Amino acid sequence: MAGAENKLTLPHEVVVEESLGASQPTAGSGGMVPRGAKTSDYYRTHNIPGRFDNPDCFGGYDIKPQHPMYRTTNMTYGGKPPSVHTMPTSFHARTQKFSEPLGKCGMYRNEGFNTAVDVSKV
């Protein structure tokens, strides 16, 4: 079997070729979704950044070859690209009220004397 590729796929998984066009579906964690689909096309969204509305912009999900004995389910889950079904539908950012003054003057630095006796490690 020269030239055969060792690739294990479970019956419920869909293998997607990299050469698919924009109109063909991709394998997502929640079903078949066409490439270029937006989260707002499938779900009611509220105040989400553009990266959450376009899950195709996320990249870099290369799976390093791993010995099957040390492969975890989190590695399998983390190796899948996000789809519209796994993206958040709302975004609530925190204010920068605490960090804004620190950016202007820097973090507090204690410049007091060290009066403790050094303990010998010998």
Protein backbone atom coordinates (compact mmCIF):
# COMPACT_ATOMS: atom_id res chain seq x y z
CA MET A 1 0.00 0.00 0.00
CA ALA A 2 2.60 2.50 -1.06
CA GLY A 3 1.34 6.06 -1.13
CA ALA A 4 -1.63 5.33 1.16
CA GLU A 5 -2.35 8.04 3.67
CA ASN A 6 -2.86 7.10 7.31
CA LYS A 7 -5.92 9.13 8.21
CA LEU A 8 -8.54 8.07 10.71
CA THR A 9 -12.00 9.54 10.33
CA LEU A 10 -15.00 8.61 12.38
CA PRO A 11 -18.30 7.94 10.59
CA HIS A 12 -19.92 11.15 11.87
CA GLU A 13 -16.99 13.39 10.85
CA VAL A 14 -16.81 15.08 7.47
CA VAL A 15 -13.45 15.52 5.77
CA VAL A 16 -13.24 18.81 3.88
CA GLU A 17 -10.75 19.44 1.12
CA GLU A 18 -8.86 22.73 1.12
CA SER A 19 -9.70 23.36 -2.52
CA LEU A 20 -13.42 23.89 -1.95
CA GLY A 21 -14.96 26.94 -3.56
CA ALA A 22 -16.83 29.69 -1.72
CA SER A 23 -20.22 28.19 -2.49
CA GLN A 24 -19.49 24.69 -1.19
CA PRO A 25 -20.21 23.74 2.41
CA THR A 26 -17.59 23.28 5.08
CA ALA A 27 -17.54 20.94 8.03
CA GLY A 28 -18.50 22.77 11.17
CA SER A 29 -19.20 21.53 14.64
CA GLY A 30 -22.93 22.11 14.21
CA GLY A 31 -23.69 21.09 10.65
CA MET A 32 -22.92 22.02 7.09
CA VAL A 33 -22.53 25.76 6.58
CA PRO A 34 -21.46 27.44 3.32
CA ARG A 35 -18.13 29.26 3.30
CA GLY A 36 -18.40 32.96 3.93
CA ALA A 37 -21.54 32.53 6.04
CA LYS A 38 -22.08 35.11 8.75
CA THR A 39 -23.26 34.44 12.27
CA SER A 40 -25.93 37.12 11.86
CA ASP A 41 -27.40 35.14 8.93
CA TYR A 42 -28.22 32.23 11.26
CA TYR A 43 -28.68 33.81 14.71
CA ARG A 44 -29.94 37.07 16.16
CA THR A 45 -26.77 38.88 17.22
CA HIS A 46 -26.21 41.88 19.44
CA ASN A 47 -23.17 44.14 19.43
CA ILE A 48 -20.61 41.61 18.17
CA PRO A 49 -17.24 42.49 16.62
CA GLY A 50 -16.60 41.66 12.98
CA ARG A 51 -14.40 38.69 13.85
CA PHE A 52 -17.36 37.02 15.61
CA ASP A 53 -19.66 37.66 12.66
CA ASN A 54 -17.17 36.15 10.16
CA PRO A 55 -15.83 32.87 11.56
CA ASP A 56 -13.90 32.20 8.33
CA CYS A 57 -11.39 34.93 9.26
CA PHE A 58 -9.96 32.71 12.02
CA GLY A 59 -7.04 30.65 10.80
CA GLY A 60 -4.02 28.75 11.97
CA TYR A 61 -5.73 25.57 13.08
CA ASP A 62 -2.99 23.25 11.91
CA ILE A 63 -2.88 20.01 13.83
CA LYS A 64 0.62 18.82 14.59
CA PRO A 65 1.10 15.08 14.13
CA GLN A 66 0.59 13.52 17.52
CA HIS A 67 1.07 9.97 18.73
CA PRO A 68 -2.41 8.44 19.11
CA MET A 69 -1.64 7.36 22.67
CA TYR A 70 -1.19 10.98 23.77
CA ARG A 71 -4.01 12.48 21.70
CA THR A 72 -6.78 14.08 23.76
CA THR A 73 -10.33 15.00 22.90
CA ASN A 74 -9.47 18.66 23.51
CA MET A 75 -6.86 18.43 20.76
CA THR A 76 -9.53 17.13 18.40
CA TYR A 77 -12.02 19.83 19.41
CA GLY A 78 -9.43 22.63 19.31
CA GLY A 79 -8.19 21.61 15.87
CA LYS A 80 -11.57 22.30 14.25
CA PRO A 81 -12.14 25.77 12.83
CA PRO A 82 -15.07 27.73 14.29
CA SER A 83 -18.40 27.89 12.51
CA VAL A 84 -21.40 30.18 12.83
CA HIS A 85 -22.85 27.70 15.34
CA THR A 86 -19.90 27.98 17.75
CA MET A 87 -19.44 31.76 17.67
CA PRO A 88 -20.88 33.99 20.41
CA THR A 89 -24.04 35.92 19.53
CA SER A 90 -23.48 38.81 21.94
CA PHE A 91 -20.46 40.74 23.18
CA HIS A 92 -20.28 42.72 26.42
CA ALA A 93 -16.92 44.46 26.74
CA ARG A 94 -15.60 45.61 30.09
CA THR A 95 -14.72 49.23 30.67
CA GLN A 96 -11.08 50.26 30.94
CA LYS A 97 -11.79 52.59 33.88
CA PHE A 98 -9.26 50.86 36.16
CA SER A 99 -6.49 50.52 33.55
CA GLU A 100 -6.63 53.99 31.98
CA PRO A 101 -4.73 55.82 34.76
CA LEU A 102 -2.14 53.03 34.90
CA GLY A 103 -1.37 53.56 31.24
CA LYS A 104 -0.66 57.23 31.86
CA CYS A 105 1.64 56.96 34.86
CA GLY A 106 2.58 53.26 35.06
CA MET A 107 2.07 50.61 37.71
CA TYR A 108 2.82 51.36 41.34
CA ARG A 109 6.35 50.39 42.35
CA ASN A 110 7.29 49.88 45.97
CA GLU A 111 10.65 51.56 46.45
CA GLY A 112 10.86 51.03 50.20
CA PHE A 113 13.77 49.41 52.01
CA ASN A 114 13.94 45.66 52.47
CA THR A 115 14.44 45.34 56.24
CA ALA A 116 14.05 41.56 56.52
CA VAL A 117 17.03 39.44 57.47
CA ASP A 118 18.30 37.27 54.62
CA VAL A 119 18.16 33.59 55.52
CA SER A 120 21.18 31.54 54.53
CA LYS A 121 20.33 28.74 52.12
CA VAL A 122 23.38 26.71 53.19
